Amino acid sequence: MEYAEVFHESLKIVSFCPMCRLRYDPLKAEVIGQSDNARLIYIRCQRCSISMMALIALSALGINSAVLVTDANSADIRRLQKREKVTFNDVIEVYQYIQSKRFTQYILHKVHER
């Protein structure tokens, strides 16, 4: 079985909404990204408007999938794919800023503005 056929079959995994259980046409799934053995797809439920991202990958062990319910739309996901990756140093820098007096003063100022 070719990868395209396996991928089409694997879409059955995400062929219903996890919130309202509406079944929808897997062919309406939007492919956001792909590689030789994986696809990232976006699906929006027509009934309850829940959005999902699903990663479907083919490995030697079979088909693997992960589904994430999100408030992002497909344009948001495409835009975020193009951004630089967050590095370990970025995380440390944000942590240090949150621990600083400058951040505390900023938050207090915003609270008093209301």
PDB file of N, CA and C in Angstrom:
ATOM      1  N   MET A   1       0.847  -1.183   0.000  1.00  0.00           N
ATOM      2  CA  MET A   1       0.000   0.000   0.000  1.00  0.00           C
ATOM      3  C   MET A   1       0.889   1.242   0.000  1.00  0.00           C
ATOM      4  N   GLU A   2       0.641   2.185  -0.878  1.00  0.00           N
ATOM      5  CA  GLU A   2       1.427   3.404  -0.970  1.00  0.00           C
ATOM      6  C   GLU A   2       1.091   4.345   0.182  1.00  0.00           C
ATOM      7  N   TYR A   3       2.037   5.260   0.439  1.00  0.00           N
ATOM      8  CA  TYR A   3       1.842   6.202   1.549  1.00  0.00           C
ATOM      9  C   TYR A   3       0.564   7.014   1.379  1.00  0.00           C
ATOM     10  N   ALA A   4       0.265   7.461   0.176  1.00  0.00           N
ATOM     11  CA  ALA A   4      -0.949   8.260  -0.051  1.00  0.00           C
ATOM     12  C   ALA A   4      -2.198   7.485   0.361  1.00  0.00           C
ATOM     13  N   GLU A   5      -2.221   6.207   0.056  1.00  0.00           N
ATOM     14  CA  GLU A   5      -3.367   5.374   0.442  1.00  0.00           C
ATOM     15  C   GLU A   5      -3.426   5.203   1.954  1.00  0.00           C
ATOM     16  N   VAL A   6      -2.266   4.977   2.571  1.00  0.00           N
ATOM     17  CA  VAL A   6      -2.207   4.819   4.026  1.00  0.00           C
ATOM     18  C   VAL A   6      -2.653   6.109   4.697  1.00  0.00           C
ATOM     19  N   PHE A   7      -2.192   7.250   4.174  1.00  0.00           N
ATOM     20  CA  PHE A   7      -2.579   8.537   4.745  1.00  0.00           C
ATOM     21  C   PHE A   7      -4.089   8.732   4.657  1.00  0.00           C
ATOM     22  N   HIS A   8      -4.657   8.434   3.500  1.00  0.00           N
ATOM     23  CA  HIS A   8      -6.104   8.587   3.326  1.00  0.00           C
ATOM     24  C   HIS A   8      -6.860   7.705   4.322  1.00  0.00           C
ATOM     25  N   GLU A   9      -6.403   6.480   4.501  1.00  0.00           N
ATOM     26  CA  GLU A   9      -7.036   5.571   5.464  1.00  0.00           C
ATOM     27  C   GLU A   9      -6.880   6.093   6.887  1.00  0.00           C
ATOM     28  N   SER A  10      -5.717   6.677   7.191  1.00  0.00           N
ATOM     29  CA  SER A  10      -5.469   7.156   8.547  1.00  0.00           C
ATOM     30  C   SER A  10      -6.324   8.370   8.900  1.00  0.00           C
ATOM     31  N   LEU A  11      -6.827   9.070   7.898  1.00  0.00           N
ATOM     32  CA  LEU A  11      -7.702  10.211   8.172  1.00  0.00           C
ATOM     33  C   LEU A  11      -8.994   9.782   8.866  1.00  0.00           C
ATOM     34  N   LYS A  12      -9.320   8.517   8.773  1.00  0.00           N
ATOM     35  CA  LYS A  12     -10.507   8.015   9.466  1.00  0.00           C
ATOM     36  C   LYS A  12     -10.375   8.197  10.972  1.00  0.00           C
ATOM     37  N   ILE A  13      -9.135   8.244  11.456  1.00  0.00           N
ATOM     38  CA  ILE A  13      -8.880   8.457  12.881  1.00  0.00           C
ATOM     39  C   ILE A  13      -9.458   9.789  13.333  1.00  0.00           C
ATOM     40  N   VAL A  14      -9.392  10.782  12.472  1.00  0.00           N
ATOM     41  CA  VAL A  14      -9.875  12.124  12.824  1.00  0.00           C
ATOM     42  C   VAL A  14     -11.093  12.497  11.980  1.00  0.00           C
ATOM     43  N   SER A  15     -11.949  11.549  11.733  1.00  0.00           N
ATOM     44  CA  SER A  15     -13.107  11.819  10.874  1.00  0.00           C
ATOM     45  C   SER A  15     -14.347  12.230  11.654  1.00  0.00           C
ATOM     46  N   PHE A  16     -14.184  12.494  12.959  1.00  0.00           N
ATOM     47  CA  PHE A  16     -15.309  12.990  13.735  1.00  0.00           C
ATOM     48  C   PHE A  16     -14.800  14.013  14.741  1.00  0.00           C
ATOM     49  N   CYS A  17     -15.679  14.911  15.135  1.00  0.00           N
ATOM     50  CA  CYS A  17     -15.326  15.972  16.074  1.00  0.00           C
ATOM     51  C   CYS A  17     -15.265  15.384  17.490  1.00  0.00           C
ATOM     52  N   PRO A  18     -14.195  15.649  18.233  1.00  0.00           N
ATOM     53  CA  PRO A  18     -14.095  15.109  19.587  1.00  0.00           C
ATOM     54  C   PRO A  18     -15.047  15.799  20.572  1.00  0.00           C
ATOM     55  N   MET A  19     -15.584  16.946  20.183  1.00  0.00           N
ATOM     56  CA  MET A  19     -16.482  17.682  21.082  1.00  0.00           C
ATOM     57  C   MET A  19     -17.949  17.316  20.851  1.00  0.00           C
ATOM     58  N   CYS A  20     -18.407  17.441  19.621  1.00  0.00           N
ATOM     59  CA  CYS A  20     -19.833  17.209  19.346  1.00  0.00           C
ATOM     60  C   CYS A  20     -20.096  15.888  18.624  1.00  0.00           C
ATOM     61  N   ARG A  21     -19.023  15.176  18.269  1.00  0.00           N
ATOM     62  CA  ARG A  21     -19.079  13.856  17.622  1.00  0.00           C
ATOM     63  C   ARG A  21     -19.617  13.871  16.190  1.00  0.00           C
ATOM     64  N   LEU A  22     -19.740  15.039  15.578  1.00  0.00           N
ATOM     65  CA  LEU A  22     -20.190  15.118  14.190  1.00  0.00           C
ATOM     66  C   LEU A  22     -19.165  14.442  13.293  1.00  0.00           C
ATOM     67  N   ARG A  23     -19.626  13.602  12.396  1.00  0.00           N
ATOM     68  CA  ARG A  23     -18.745  12.986  11.401  1.00  0.00           C
ATOM     69  C   ARG A  23     -18.598  13.962  10.244  1.00  0.00           C
ATOM     70  N   TYR A  24     -17.402  14.076   9.740  1.00  0.00           N
ATOM     71  CA  TYR A  24     -17.197  14.934   8.586  1.00  0.00           C
ATOM     72  C   TYR A  24     -16.289  14.264   7.578  1.00  0.00           C
ATOM     73  N   ASP A  25     -16.320  14.813   6.412  1.00  0.00           N
ATOM     74  CA  ASP A  25     -15.579  14.246   5.285  1.00  0.00           C
ATOM     75  C   ASP A  25     -14.085  14.465   5.492  1.00  0.00           C
ATOM     76  N   PRO A  26     -13.305  13.395   5.651  1.00  0.00           N
ATOM     77  CA  PRO A  26     -11.872  13.564   5.838  1.00  0.00           C
ATOM     78  C   PRO A  26     -11.183  14.236   4.659  1.00  0.00           C
ATOM     79  N   LEU A  27     -11.806  14.210   3.499  1.00  0.00           N
ATOM     80  CA  LEU A  27     -11.200  14.869   2.337  1.00  0.00           C
ATOM     81  C   LEU A  27     -11.223  16.390   2.472  1.00  0.00           C
ATOM     82  N   LYS A  28     -12.005  16.908   3.425  1.00  0.00           N
ATOM     83  CA  LYS A  28     -12.032  18.350   3.661  1.00  0.00           C
ATOM     84  C   LYS A  28     -10.911  18.794   4.599  1.00  0.00           C
ATOM     85  N   ALA A  29     -10.105  17.850   5.071  1.00  0.00           N
ATOM     86  CA  ALA A  29      -8.962  18.190   5.916  1.00  0.00           C
ATOM     87  C   ALA A  29      -7.949  18.973   5.079  1.00  0.00           C
ATOM     88  N   GLU A  30      -7.409  20.009   5.659  1.00  0.00           N
ATOM     89  CA  GLU A  30      -6.435  20.857   4.960  1.00  0.00           C
ATOM     90  C   GLU A  30      -5.026  20.438   5.369  1.00  0.00           C
ATOM     91  N   VAL A  31      -4.210  20.070   4.414  1.00  0.00           N
ATOM     92  CA  VAL A  31      -2.828  19.695   4.693  1.00  0.00           C
ATOM     93  C   VAL A  31      -2.025  20.970   4.902  1.00  0.00           C
ATOM     94  N   ILE A  32      -1.499  21.122   6.117  1.00  0.00           N
ATOM     95  CA  ILE A  32      -0.730  22.314   6.496  1.00  0.00           C
ATOM     96  C   ILE A  32       0.759  22.113   6.227  1.00  0.00           C
ATOM     97  N   GLY A  33       1.223  20.896   6.416  1.00  0.00           N
ATOM     98  CA  GLY A  33       2.625  20.585   6.192  1.00  0.00           C
ATOM     99  C   GLY A  33       2.793  19.103   5.954  1.00  0.00           C
ATOM    100  N   GLN A  34       3.870  18.738   5.300  1.00  0.00           N
ATOM    101  CA  GLN A  34       4.105  17.323   5.056  1.00  0.00           C
ATOM    102  C   GLN A  34       5.572  17.038   4.823  1.00  0.00           C
ATOM    103  N   SER A  35       5.928  15.795   5.086  1.00  0.00           N
ATOM    104  CA  SER A  35       7.258  15.287   4.775  1.00  0.00           C
ATOM    105  C   SER A  35       7.051  13.955   4.074  1.00  0.00           C
ATOM    106  N   ASP A  36       8.112  13.219   3.894  1.00  0.00           N
ATOM    107  CA  ASP A  36       7.995  11.936   3.198  1.00  0.00           C
ATOM    108  C   ASP A  36       7.039  10.968   3.886  1.00  0.00           C
ATOM    109  N   ASN A  37       7.020  11.004   5.226  1.00  0.00           N
ATOM    110  CA  ASN A  37       6.209  10.010   5.932  1.00  0.00           C
ATOM    111  C   ASN A  37       5.254  10.599   6.971  1.00  0.00           C
ATOM    112  N   ALA A  38       4.978  11.888   6.889  1.00  0.00           N
ATOM    113  CA  ALA A  38       4.070  12.504   7.868  1.00  0.00           C
ATOM    114  C   ALA A  38       3.331  13.684   7.244  1.00  0.00           C
ATOM    115  N   ARG A  39       2.156  13.930   7.795  1.00  0.00           N
ATOM    116  CA  ARG A  39       1.378  15.097   7.377  1.00  0.00           C
ATOM    117  C   ARG A  39       0.771  15.764   8.593  1.00  0.00           C
ATOM    118  N   LEU A  40       0.781  17.094   8.573  1.00  0.00           N
ATOM    119  CA  LEU A  40       0.107  17.896   9.590  1.00  0.00           C
ATOM    120  C   LEU A  40      -1.154  18.422   8.930  1.00  0.00           C
ATOM    121  N   ILE A  41      -2.301  18.102   9.496  1.00  0.00           N
ATOM    122  CA  ILE A  41      -3.555  18.525   8.879  1.00  0.00           C
ATOM    123  C   ILE A  41      -4.356  19.388   9.843  1.00  0.00           C
ATOM    124  N   TYR A  42      -5.238  20.177   9.263  1.00  0.00           N
ATOM    125  CA  TYR A  42      -6.109  21.072  10.013  1.00  0.00           C
ATOM    126  C   TYR A  42      -7.553  20.748   9.631  1.00  0.00           C
ATOM    127  N   ILE A  43      -8.386  20.641  10.644  1.00  0.00           N
ATOM    128  CA  ILE A  43      -9.800  20.358  10.419  1.00  0.00           C
ATOM    129  C   ILE A  43     -10.619  21.270  11.320  1.00  0.00           C
ATOM    130  N   ARG A  44     -11.705  21.814  10.787  1.00  0.00           N
ATOM    131  CA  ARG A  44     -12.624  22.653  11.575  1.00  0.00           C
ATOM    132  C   ARG A  44     -14.012  22.035  11.488  1.00  0.00           C
ATOM    133  N   CYS A  45     -14.628  21.822  12.645  1.00  0.00           N
ATOM    134  CA  CYS A  45     -15.959  21.221  12.694  1.00  0.00           C
ATOM    135  C   CYS A  45     -17.004  22.229  12.218  1.00  0.00           C
ATOM    136  N   GLN A  46     -17.850  21.794  11.325  1.00  0.00           N
ATOM    137  CA  GLN A  46     -18.899  22.663  10.781  1.00  0.00           C
ATOM    138  C   GLN A  46     -19.995  22.951  11.799  1.00  0.00           C
ATOM    139  N   ARG A  47     -20.191  22.046  12.753  1.00  0.00           N
ATOM    140  CA  ARG A  47     -21.265  22.224  13.733  1.00  0.00           C
ATOM    141  C   ARG A  47     -20.846  23.109  14.911  1.00  0.00           C
ATOM    142  N   CYS A  48     -19.768  22.736  15.597  1.00  0.00           N
ATOM    143  CA  CYS A  48     -19.399  23.452  16.828  1.00  0.00           C
ATOM    144  C   CYS A  48     -18.195  24.380  16.661  1.00  0.00           C
ATOM    145  N   SER A  49     -17.599  24.419  15.486  1.00  0.00           N
ATOM    146  CA  SER A  49     -16.479  25.304  15.133  1.00  0.00           C
ATOM    147  C   SER A  49     -15.181  25.006  15.875  1.00  0.00           C
ATOM    148  N   ILE A  50     -15.072  23.841  16.467  1.00  0.00           N
ATOM    149  CA  ILE A  50     -13.815  23.439  17.099  1.00  0.00           C
ATOM    150  C   ILE A  50     -12.787  23.189  15.992  1.00  0.00           C
ATOM    151  N   SER A  51     -11.569  23.623  16.228  1.00  0.00           N
ATOM    152  CA  SER A  51     -10.481  23.392  15.275  1.00  0.00           C
ATOM    153  C   SER A  51      -9.530  22.357  15.850  1.00  0.00           C
ATOM    154  N   MET A  52      -8.988  21.537  14.961  1.00  0.00           N
ATOM    155  CA  MET A  52      -8.037  20.514  15.371  1.00  0.00           C
ATOM    156  C   MET A  52      -6.844  20.489  14.435  1.00  0.00           C
ATOM    157  N   MET A  53      -5.694  20.204  15.005  1.00  0.00           N
ATOM    158  CA  MET A  53      -4.503  19.898  14.238  1.00  0.00           C
ATOM    159  C   MET A  53      -4.212  18.434  14.499  1.00  0.00           C
ATOM    160  N   ALA A  54      -3.893  17.709  13.476  1.00  0.00           N
ATOM    161  CA  ALA A  54      -3.550  16.304  13.636  1.00  0.00           C
ATOM    162  C   ALA A  54      -2.244  16.032  12.912  1.00  0.00           C
ATOM    163  N   LEU A  55      -1.361  15.353  13.593  1.00  0.00           N
ATOM    164  CA  LEU A  55      -0.119  14.897  12.985  1.00  0.00           C
ATOM    165  C   LEU A  55      -0.277  13.413  12.744  1.00  0.00           C
ATOM    166  N   ILE A  56      -0.183  13.011  11.499  1.00  0.00           N
ATOM    167  CA  ILE A  56      -0.314  11.614  11.124  1.00  0.00           C
ATOM    168  C   ILE A  56       1.000  11.181  10.483  1.00  0.00           C
ATOM    169  N   ALA A  57       1.621  10.173  11.081  1.00  0.00           N
ATOM    170  CA  ALA A  57       2.933   9.733  10.611  1.00  0.00           C
ATOM    171  C   ALA A  57       2.938   8.226  10.390  1.00  0.00           C
ATOM    172  N   LEU A  58       3.670   7.818   9.389  1.00  0.00           N
ATOM    173  CA  LEU A  58       3.836   6.411   9.059  1.00  0.00           C
ATOM    174  C   LEU A  58       5.245   5.994   9.454  1.00  0.00           C
ATOM    175  N   SER A  59       5.340   4.944  10.258  1.00  0.00           N
ATOM    176  CA  SER A  59       6.648   4.432  10.654  1.00  0.00           C
ATOM    177  C   SER A  59       6.688   2.927  10.395  1.00  0.00           C
ATOM    178  N   ALA A  60       7.799   2.332  10.704  1.00  0.00           N
ATOM    179  CA  ALA A  60       7.924   0.878  10.524  1.00  0.00           C
ATOM    180  C   ALA A  60       6.943   0.126  11.413  1.00  0.00           C
ATOM    181  N   LEU A  61       6.485   0.766  12.483  1.00  0.00           N
ATOM    182  CA  LEU A  61       5.552   0.130  13.411  1.00  0.00           C
ATOM    183  C   LEU A  61       4.095   0.358  13.039  1.00  0.00           C
ATOM    184  N   GLY A  62       3.844   1.195  12.040  1.00  0.00           N
ATOM    185  CA  GLY A  62       2.468   1.466  11.612  1.00  0.00           C
ATOM    186  C   GLY A  62       2.160   2.948  11.572  1.00  0.00           C
ATOM    187  N   ILE A  63       0.888   3.272  11.752  1.00  0.00           N
ATOM    188  CA  ILE A  63       0.437   4.656  11.687  1.00  0.00           C
ATOM    189  C   ILE A  63       0.369   5.227  13.098  1.00  0.00           C
ATOM    190  N   ASN A  64       0.963   6.396  13.284  1.00  0.00           N
ATOM    191  CA  ASN A  64       0.905   7.108  14.553  1.00  0.00           C
ATOM    192  C   ASN A  64       0.169   8.410  14.322  1.00  0.00           C
ATOM    193  N   SER A  65      -0.644   8.803  15.290  1.00  0.00           N
ATOM    194  CA  SER A  65      -1.334  10.082  15.148  1.00  0.00           C
ATOM    195  C   SER A  65      -1.432  10.776  16.492  1.00  0.00           C
ATOM    196  N   ALA A  66      -1.458  12.098  16.438  1.00  0.00           N
ATOM    197  CA  ALA A  66      -1.668  12.927  17.623  1.00  0.00           C
ATOM    198  C   ALA A  66      -2.607  14.047  17.198  1.00  0.00           C
ATOM    199  N   VAL A  67      -3.647  14.271  17.981  1.00  0.00           N
ATOM    200  CA  VAL A  67      -4.644  15.297  17.666  1.00  0.00           C
ATOM    201  C   VAL A  67      -4.648  16.333  18.769  1.00  0.00           C
ATOM    202  N   LEU A  68      -4.674  17.597  18.379  1.00  0.00           N
ATOM    203  CA  LEU A  68      -4.685  18.710  19.318  1.00  0.00           C
ATOM    204  C   LEU A  68      -5.854  19.616  18.991  1.00  0.00           C
ATOM    205  N   VAL A  69      -6.733  19.845  19.966  1.00  0.00           N
ATOM    206  CA  VAL A  69      -7.813  20.813  19.798  1.00  0.00           C
ATOM    207  C   VAL A  69      -7.198  22.190  20.023  1.00  0.00           C
ATOM    208  N   THR A  70      -7.525  23.138  19.158  1.00  0.00           N
ATOM    209  CA  THR A  70      -6.891  24.449  19.206  1.00  0.00           C
ATOM    210  C   THR A  70      -7.884  25.549  18.861  1.00  0.00           C
ATOM    211  N   ASP A  71      -7.544  26.769  19.254  1.00  0.00           N
ATOM    212  CA  ASP A  71      -8.357  27.914  18.833  1.00  0.00           C
ATOM    213  C   ASP A  71      -7.711  28.609  17.631  1.00  0.00           C
ATOM    214  N   ALA A  72      -6.610  28.071  17.157  1.00  0.00           N
ATOM    215  CA  ALA A  72      -5.922  28.637  15.994  1.00  0.00           C
ATOM    216  C   ALA A  72      -6.643  28.232  14.709  1.00  0.00           C
ATOM    217  N   ASN A  73      -6.529  29.086  13.703  1.00  0.00           N
ATOM    218  CA  ASN A  73      -7.056  28.708  12.389  1.00  0.00           C
ATOM    219  C   ASN A  73      -5.876  28.285  11.509  1.00  0.00           C
ATOM    220  N   SER A  74      -6.162  27.830  10.320  1.00  0.00           N
ATOM    221  CA  SER A  74      -5.082  27.309   9.470  1.00  0.00           C
ATOM    222  C   SER A  74      -4.079  28.400   9.100  1.00  0.00           C
ATOM    223  N   ALA A  75      -4.529  29.634   8.951  1.00  0.00           N
ATOM    224  CA  ALA A  75      -3.604  30.734   8.633  1.00  0.00           C
ATOM    225  C   ALA A  75      -2.645  30.980   9.802  1.00  0.00           C
ATOM    226  N   ASP A  76      -3.152  30.905  11.036  1.00  0.00           N
ATOM    227  CA  ASP A  76      -2.301  31.060  12.214  1.00  0.00           C
ATOM    228  C   ASP A  76      -1.221  29.983  12.237  1.00  0.00           C
ATOM    229  N   ILE A  77      -1.620  28.764  11.964  1.00  0.00           N
ATOM    230  CA  ILE A  77      -0.683  27.638  12.006  1.00  0.00           C
ATOM    231  C   ILE A  77       0.394  27.804  10.951  1.00  0.00           C
ATOM    232  N   ARG A  78      -0.001  28.198   9.750  1.00  0.00           N
ATOM    233  CA  ARG A  78       0.983  28.421   8.678  1.00  0.00           C
ATOM    234  C   ARG A  78       1.954  29.546   9.048  1.00  0.00           C
ATOM    235  N   ARG A  79       1.431  30.605   9.645  1.00  0.00           N
ATOM    236  CA  ARG A  79       2.273  31.739  10.047  1.00  0.00           C
ATOM    237  C   ARG A  79       3.271  31.310  11.124  1.00  0.00           C
ATOM    238  N   LEU A  80       2.813  30.533  12.099  1.00  0.00           N
ATOM    239  CA  LEU A  80       3.692  30.088  13.179  1.00  0.00           C
ATOM    240  C   LEU A  80       4.757  29.118  12.699  1.00  0.00           C
ATOM    241  N   GLN A  81       4.466  28.353  11.663  1.00  0.00           N
ATOM    242  CA  GLN A  81       5.459  27.429  11.117  1.00  0.00           C
ATOM    243  C   GLN A  81       6.672  28.168  10.560  1.00  0.00           C
ATOM    244  N   LYS A  82       6.484  29.389  10.126  1.00  0.00           N
ATOM    245  CA  LYS A  82       7.559  30.154   9.490  1.00  0.00           C
ATOM    246  C   LYS A  82       8.422  30.895  10.503  1.00  0.00           C
ATOM    247  N   ARG A  83       7.984  30.970  11.751  1.00  0.00           N
ATOM    248  CA  ARG A  83       8.733  31.695  12.768  1.00  0.00           C
ATOM    249  C   ARG A  83       9.933  30.885  13.237  1.00  0.00           C
ATOM    250  N   GLU A  84      10.880  31.609  13.829  1.00  0.00           N
ATOM    251  CA  GLU A  84      12.053  30.946  14.377  1.00  0.00           C
ATOM    252  C   GLU A  84      11.653  30.083  15.568  1.00  0.00           C
ATOM    253  N   LYS A  85      12.399  29.027  15.780  1.00  0.00           N
ATOM    254  CA  LYS A  85      12.157  28.133  16.906  1.00  0.00           C
ATOM    255  C   LYS A  85      12.569  28.819  18.209  1.00  0.00           C
ATOM    256  N   VAL A  86      11.873  28.499  19.289  1.00  0.00           N
ATOM    257  CA  VAL A  86      12.227  28.998  20.609  1.00  0.00           C
ATOM    258  C   VAL A  86      13.407  28.181  21.110  1.00  0.00           C
ATOM    259  N   THR A  87      14.455  28.874  21.525  1.00  0.00           N
ATOM    260  CA  THR A  87      15.652  28.189  22.003  1.00  0.00           C
ATOM    261  C   THR A  87      15.643  28.095  23.529  1.00  0.00           C
ATOM    262  N   PHE A  88      16.532  27.291  24.053  1.00  0.00           N
ATOM    263  CA  PHE A  88      16.692  27.176  25.496  1.00  0.00           C
ATOM    264  C   PHE A  88      17.036  28.539  26.090  1.00  0.00           C
ATOM    265  N   ASN A  89      17.903  29.281  25.418  1.00  0.00           N
ATOM    266  CA  ASN A  89      18.283  30.614  25.899  1.00  0.00           C
ATOM    267  C   ASN A  89      17.095  31.564  25.924  1.00  0.00           C
ATOM    268  N   ASP A  90      16.183  31.443  24.959  1.00  0.00           N
ATOM    269  CA  ASP A  90      14.973  32.270  24.957  1.00  0.00           C
ATOM    270  C   ASP A  90      14.145  32.010  26.206  1.00  0.00           C
ATOM    271  N   VAL A  91      14.012  30.749  26.572  1.00  0.00           N
ATOM    272  CA  VAL A  91      13.225  30.375  27.755  1.00  0.00           C
ATOM    273  C   VAL A  91      13.872  30.943  29.020  1.00  0.00           C
ATOM    274  N   ILE A  92      15.185  30.817  29.131  1.00  0.00           N
ATOM    275  CA  ILE A  92      15.911  31.347  30.291  1.00  0.00           C
ATOM    276  C   ILE A  92      15.733  32.861  30.374  1.00  0.00           C
ATOM    277  N   GLU A  93      15.820  33.540  29.245  1.00  0.00           N
ATOM    278  CA  GLU A  93      15.678  34.989  29.215  1.00  0.00           C
ATOM    279  C   GLU A  93      14.288  35.427  29.696  1.00  0.00           C
ATOM    280  N   VAL A  94      13.248  34.751  29.251  1.00  0.00           N
ATOM    281  CA  VAL A  94      11.887  35.074  29.689  1.00  0.00           C
ATOM    282  C   VAL A  94      11.735  34.789  31.183  1.00  0.00           C
ATOM    283  N   TYR A  95      12.257  33.666  31.636  1.00  0.00           N
ATOM    284  CA  TYR A  95      12.185  33.325  33.056  1.00  0.00           C
ATOM    285  C   TYR A  95      12.852  34.414  33.900  1.00  0.00           C
ATOM    286  N   GLN A  96      14.036  34.829  33.494  1.00  0.00           N
ATOM    287  CA  GLN A  96      14.752  35.864  34.242  1.00  0.00           C
ATOM    288  C   GLN A  96      13.982  37.181  34.235  1.00  0.00           C
ATOM    289  N   TYR A  97      13.361  37.520  33.123  1.00  0.00           N
ATOM    290  CA  TYR A  97      12.582  38.757  33.047  1.00  0.00           C
ATOM    291  C   TYR A  97      11.382  38.694  33.990  1.00  0.00           C
ATOM    292  N   ILE A  98      10.708  37.554  34.015  1.00  0.00           N
ATOM    293  CA  ILE A  98       9.532  37.408  34.884  1.00  0.00           C
ATOM    294  C   ILE A  98       9.933  37.514  36.351  1.00  0.00           C
ATOM    295  N   GLN A  99      11.130  37.093  36.686  1.00  0.00           N
ATOM    296  CA  GLN A  99      11.612  37.166  38.067  1.00  0.00           C
ATOM    297  C   GLN A  99      12.123  38.558  38.445  1.00  0.00           C
ATOM    298  N   SER A 100      12.275  39.443  37.483  1.00  0.00           N
ATOM    299  CA  SER A 100      12.878  40.752  37.734  1.00  0.00           C
ATOM    300  C   SER A 100      11.887  41.751  38.344  1.00  0.00           C
ATOM    301  N   LYS A 101      12.448  42.771  39.003  1.00  0.00           N
ATOM    302  CA  LYS A 101      11.623  43.847  39.563  1.00  0.00           C
ATOM    303  C   LYS A 101      10.959  44.640  38.443  1.00  0.00           C
ATOM    304  N   ARG A 102      11.638  44.744  37.319  1.00  0.00           N
ATOM    305  CA  ARG A 102      11.086  45.491  36.181  1.00  0.00           C
ATOM    306  C   ARG A 102       9.756  44.894  35.720  1.00  0.00           C
ATOM    307  N   PHE A 103       9.680  43.576  35.658  1.00  0.00           N
ATOM    308  CA  PHE A 103       8.446  42.905  35.260  1.00  0.00           C
ATOM    309  C   PHE A 103       7.355  43.146  36.300  1.00  0.00           C
ATOM    310  N   THR A 104       7.707  43.027  37.572  1.00  0.00           N
ATOM    311  CA  THR A 104       6.737  43.262  38.656  1.00  0.00           C
ATOM    312  C   THR A 104       6.193  44.685  38.587  1.00  0.00           C
ATOM    313  N   GLN A 105       7.062  45.650  38.368  1.00  0.00           N
ATOM    314  CA  GLN A 105       6.626  47.041  38.252  1.00  0.00           C
ATOM    315  C   GLN A 105       5.713  47.235  37.044  1.00  0.00           C
ATOM    316  N   TYR A 106       6.025  46.595  35.959  1.00  0.00           N
ATOM    317  CA  TYR A 106       5.208  46.683  34.751  1.00  0.00           C
ATOM    318  C   TYR A 106       3.798  46.150  35.027  1.00  0.00           C
ATOM    319  N   ILE A 107       3.711  44.991  35.675  1.00  0.00           N
ATOM    320  CA  ILE A 107       2.417  44.391  35.983  1.00  0.00           C
ATOM    321  C   ILE A 107       1.624  45.291  36.933  1.00  0.00           C
ATOM    322  N   LEU A 108       2.273  45.797  37.964  1.00  0.00           N
ATOM    323  CA  LEU A 108       1.570  46.687  38.901  1.00  0.00           C
ATOM    324  C   LEU A 108       1.075  47.946  38.218  1.00  0.00           C
ATOM    325  N   HIS A 109       1.864  48.478  37.317  1.00  0.00           N
ATOM    326  CA  HIS A 109       1.451  49.671  36.558  1.00  0.00           C
ATOM    327  C   HIS A 109       0.212  49.354  35.716  1.00  0.00           C
ATOM    328  N   LYS A 110       0.198  48.206  35.050  1.00  0.00           N
ATOM    329  CA  LYS A 110      -0.955  47.819  34.211  1.00  0.00           C
ATOM    330  C   LYS A 110      -2.206  47.617  35.062  1.00  0.00           C
ATOM    331  N   VAL A 111      -2.056  47.050  36.242  1.00  0.00           N
ATOM    332  CA  VAL A 111      -3.200  46.820  37.130  1.00  0.00           C
ATOM    333  C   VAL A 111      -3.783  48.158  37.588  1.00  0.00           C
ATOM    334  N   HIS A 112      -2.927  49.102  37.905  1.00  0.00           N
ATOM    335  CA  HIS A 112      -3.402  50.414  38.387  1.00  0.00           C
ATOM    336  C   HIS A 112      -3.974  51.285  37.271  1.00  0.00           C
ATOM    337  N   GLU A 113      -3.647  50.979  36.011  1.00  0.00           N
ATOM    338  CA  GLU A 113      -4.207  51.727  34.883  1.00  0.00           C
ATOM    339  C   GLU A 113      -5.694  51.477  34.741  1.00  0.00           C
ATOM    340  N   ARG A 114      -6.165  50.364  35.182  1.00  0.00           N
ATOM    341  CA  ARG A 114      -7.581  49.997  35.021  1.00  0.00           C
ATOM    342  C   ARG A 114      -8.406  50.787  35.919  1.00  0.00           C
TER     343      ARG A 114
END
